Amino acid sequence: MEGGARVRYVQGYYTDNAATMPIDSYVVVDLSASYRFNNQIELFAQIGNLFNRQYIAQNSGNATPTLGTPFTFFAGVRLALN
């Protein structure tokens, strides 16, 4: 079994030259794991934004800033057909 964690830190910044549209700093934690049965079959799972942190990913001055991806869960099977 293999697994991993990724911690993403983004420092706060302004999206315009006049420094009127700030984006706060944020931290997002992602997890992944996989289990290989043999050379052809592997199960995997990934969790993005583990703590469901709501953050602004982009703010270009539109009425509504773009939010980052919320908590997501993916799972599947990798199959090698060689």
C-alpha atoms as a PDB file:
ATOM      1  CA  MET A   1       0.000   0.000   0.000  1.00  0.00           C
ATOM      2  CA  GLU A   2       1.244   3.469  -0.851  1.00  0.00           C
ATOM      3  CA  GLY A   3      -0.037   6.793   0.348  1.00  0.00           C
ATOM      4  CA  GLY A   4       0.821  10.407   0.528  1.00  0.00           C
ATOM      5  CA  ALA A   5      -0.210  13.824   1.710  1.00  0.00           C
ATOM      6  CA  ARG A   6       0.198  17.182   0.063  1.00  0.00           C
ATOM      7  CA  VAL A   7      -0.049  20.476   1.922  1.00  0.00           C
ATOM      8  CA  ARG A   8      -0.475  23.550  -0.253  1.00  0.00           C
ATOM      9  CA  TYR A   9       0.175  26.972   1.254  1.00  0.00           C
ATOM     10  CA  VAL A  10      -0.606  30.088  -0.763  1.00  0.00           C
ATOM     11  CA  GLN A  11       0.473  33.411   0.686  1.00  0.00           C
ATOM     12  CA  GLY A  12      -2.010  36.263   0.524  1.00  0.00           C
ATOM     13  CA  TYR A  13      -1.620  38.681  -2.366  1.00  0.00           C
ATOM     14  CA  TYR A  14      -3.419  41.344  -4.373  1.00  0.00           C
ATOM     15  CA  THR A  15      -4.824  40.582  -7.803  1.00  0.00           C
ATOM     16  CA  ASP A  16      -4.585  44.140  -9.076  1.00  0.00           C
ATOM     17  CA  ASN A  17      -1.878  46.806  -9.272  1.00  0.00           C
ATOM     18  CA  ALA A  18      -3.818  49.226  -7.059  1.00  0.00           C
ATOM     19  CA  ALA A  19      -3.874  46.725  -4.175  1.00  0.00           C
ATOM     20  CA  THR A  20      -7.653  46.894  -3.809  1.00  0.00           C
ATOM     21  CA  MET A  21      -8.549  43.217  -4.473  1.00  0.00           C
ATOM     22  CA  PRO A  22      -6.815  41.058  -1.853  1.00  0.00           C
ATOM     23  CA  ILE A  23      -6.778  37.283  -1.658  1.00  0.00           C
ATOM     24  CA  ASP A  24      -6.111  35.910   1.840  1.00  0.00           C
ATOM     25  CA  SER A  25      -3.493  33.237   2.419  1.00  0.00           C
ATOM     26  CA  TYR A  26      -4.752  29.680   2.772  1.00  0.00           C
ATOM     27  CA  VAL A  27      -3.662  26.086   3.369  1.00  0.00           C
ATOM     28  CA  VAL A  28      -5.224  23.078   1.646  1.00  0.00           C
ATOM     29  CA  VAL A  29      -4.478  19.437   2.545  1.00  0.00           C
ATOM     30  CA  ASP A  30      -4.834  16.593   0.011  1.00  0.00           C
ATOM     31  CA  LEU A  31      -4.453  12.839   0.627  1.00  0.00           C
ATOM     32  CA  SER A  32      -3.938   9.885  -1.674  1.00  0.00           C
ATOM     33  CA  ALA A  33      -3.580   6.139  -1.278  1.00  0.00           C
ATOM     34  CA  SER A  34      -3.270   3.137  -3.550  1.00  0.00           C
ATOM     35  CA  TYR A  35      -3.063  -0.615  -3.254  1.00  0.00           C
ATOM     36  CA  ARG A  36      -1.546  -2.767  -5.990  1.00  0.00           C
ATOM     37  CA  PHE A  37      -2.936  -6.290  -6.198  1.00  0.00           C
ATOM     38  CA  ASN A  38      -0.531  -7.376  -8.929  1.00  0.00           C
ATOM     39  CA  ASN A  39       1.217  -5.916 -11.992  1.00  0.00           C
ATOM     40  CA  GLN A  40      -2.102  -5.259 -13.705  1.00  0.00           C
ATOM     41  CA  ILE A  41      -4.607  -4.146 -11.051  1.00  0.00           C
ATOM     42  CA  GLU A  42      -4.348  -1.242  -8.636  1.00  0.00           C
ATOM     43  CA  LEU A  43      -7.017   0.432  -6.494  1.00  0.00           C
ATOM     44  CA  PHE A  44      -6.634   4.126  -5.690  1.00  0.00           C
ATOM     45  CA  ALA A  45      -8.351   6.884  -3.742  1.00  0.00           C
ATOM     46  CA  GLN A  46      -7.731  10.619  -3.541  1.00  0.00           C
ATOM     47  CA  ILE A  47      -9.161  13.293  -1.272  1.00  0.00           C
ATOM     48  CA  GLY A  48      -8.796  16.909  -2.283  1.00  0.00           C
ATOM     49  CA  ASN A  49      -9.265  19.720   0.258  1.00  0.00           C
ATOM     50  CA  LEU A  50      -9.575  17.320   3.198  1.00  0.00           C
ATOM     51  CA  PHE A  51     -10.870  19.943   5.647  1.00  0.00           C
ATOM     52  CA  ASN A  52     -13.243  21.544   3.092  1.00  0.00           C
ATOM     53  CA  ARG A  53     -11.419  24.887   3.383  1.00  0.00           C
ATOM     54  CA  GLN A  54     -13.295  27.609   1.526  1.00  0.00           C
ATOM     55  CA  TYR A  55     -10.858  29.969  -0.177  1.00  0.00           C
ATOM     56  CA  ILE A  56     -10.792  32.452  -3.018  1.00  0.00           C
ATOM     57  CA  ALA A  57      -8.749  31.000  -5.866  1.00  0.00           C
ATOM     58  CA  GLN A  58      -9.090  33.958  -8.216  1.00  0.00           C
ATOM     59  CA  ASN A  59     -10.483  37.482  -7.976  1.00  0.00           C
ATOM     60  CA  SER A  60     -10.336  39.504 -11.176  1.00  0.00           C
ATOM     61  CA  GLY A  61     -12.819  42.147 -10.106  1.00  0.00           C
ATOM     62  CA  ASN A  62     -15.941  40.309 -11.195  1.00  0.00           C
ATOM     63  CA  ALA A  63     -19.012  40.496  -8.997  1.00  0.00           C
ATOM     64  CA  THR A  64     -18.256  37.062  -7.532  1.00  0.00           C
ATOM     65  CA  PRO A  65     -14.679  35.835  -6.886  1.00  0.00           C
ATOM     66  CA  THR A  66     -13.875  32.295  -7.994  1.00  0.00           C
ATOM     67  CA  LEU A  67     -13.757  29.863  -5.073  1.00  0.00           C
ATOM     68  CA  GLY A  68     -11.288  26.986  -4.887  1.00  0.00           C
ATOM     69  CA  THR A  69     -12.310  23.358  -5.220  1.00  0.00           C
ATOM     70  CA  PRO A  70     -14.266  22.111  -2.176  1.00  0.00           C
ATOM     71  CA  PHE A  71     -13.821  18.681  -0.541  1.00  0.00           C
ATOM     72  CA  THR A  72     -13.649  16.069  -3.284  1.00  0.00           C
ATOM     73  CA  PHE A  73     -13.233  12.299  -3.220  1.00  0.00           C
ATOM     74  CA  PHE A  74     -12.128  10.168  -6.150  1.00  0.00           C
ATOM     75  CA  ALA A  75     -11.635   6.419  -6.237  1.00  0.00           C
ATOM     76  CA  GLY A  76     -11.035   3.947  -8.971  1.00  0.00           C
ATOM     77  CA  VAL A  77      -9.205   1.002 -10.438  1.00  0.00           C
ATOM     78  CA  ARG A  78      -6.154   1.203 -12.675  1.00  0.00           C
ATOM     79  CA  LEU A  79      -5.882  -1.677 -15.095  1.00  0.00           C
ATOM     80  CA  ALA A  80      -2.816  -2.363 -17.247  1.00  0.00           C
ATOM     81  CA  LEU A  81      -3.670  -4.245 -20.421  1.00  0.00           C
ATOM     82  CA  ASN A  82      -0.220  -5.090 -21.721  1.00  0.00           C
END
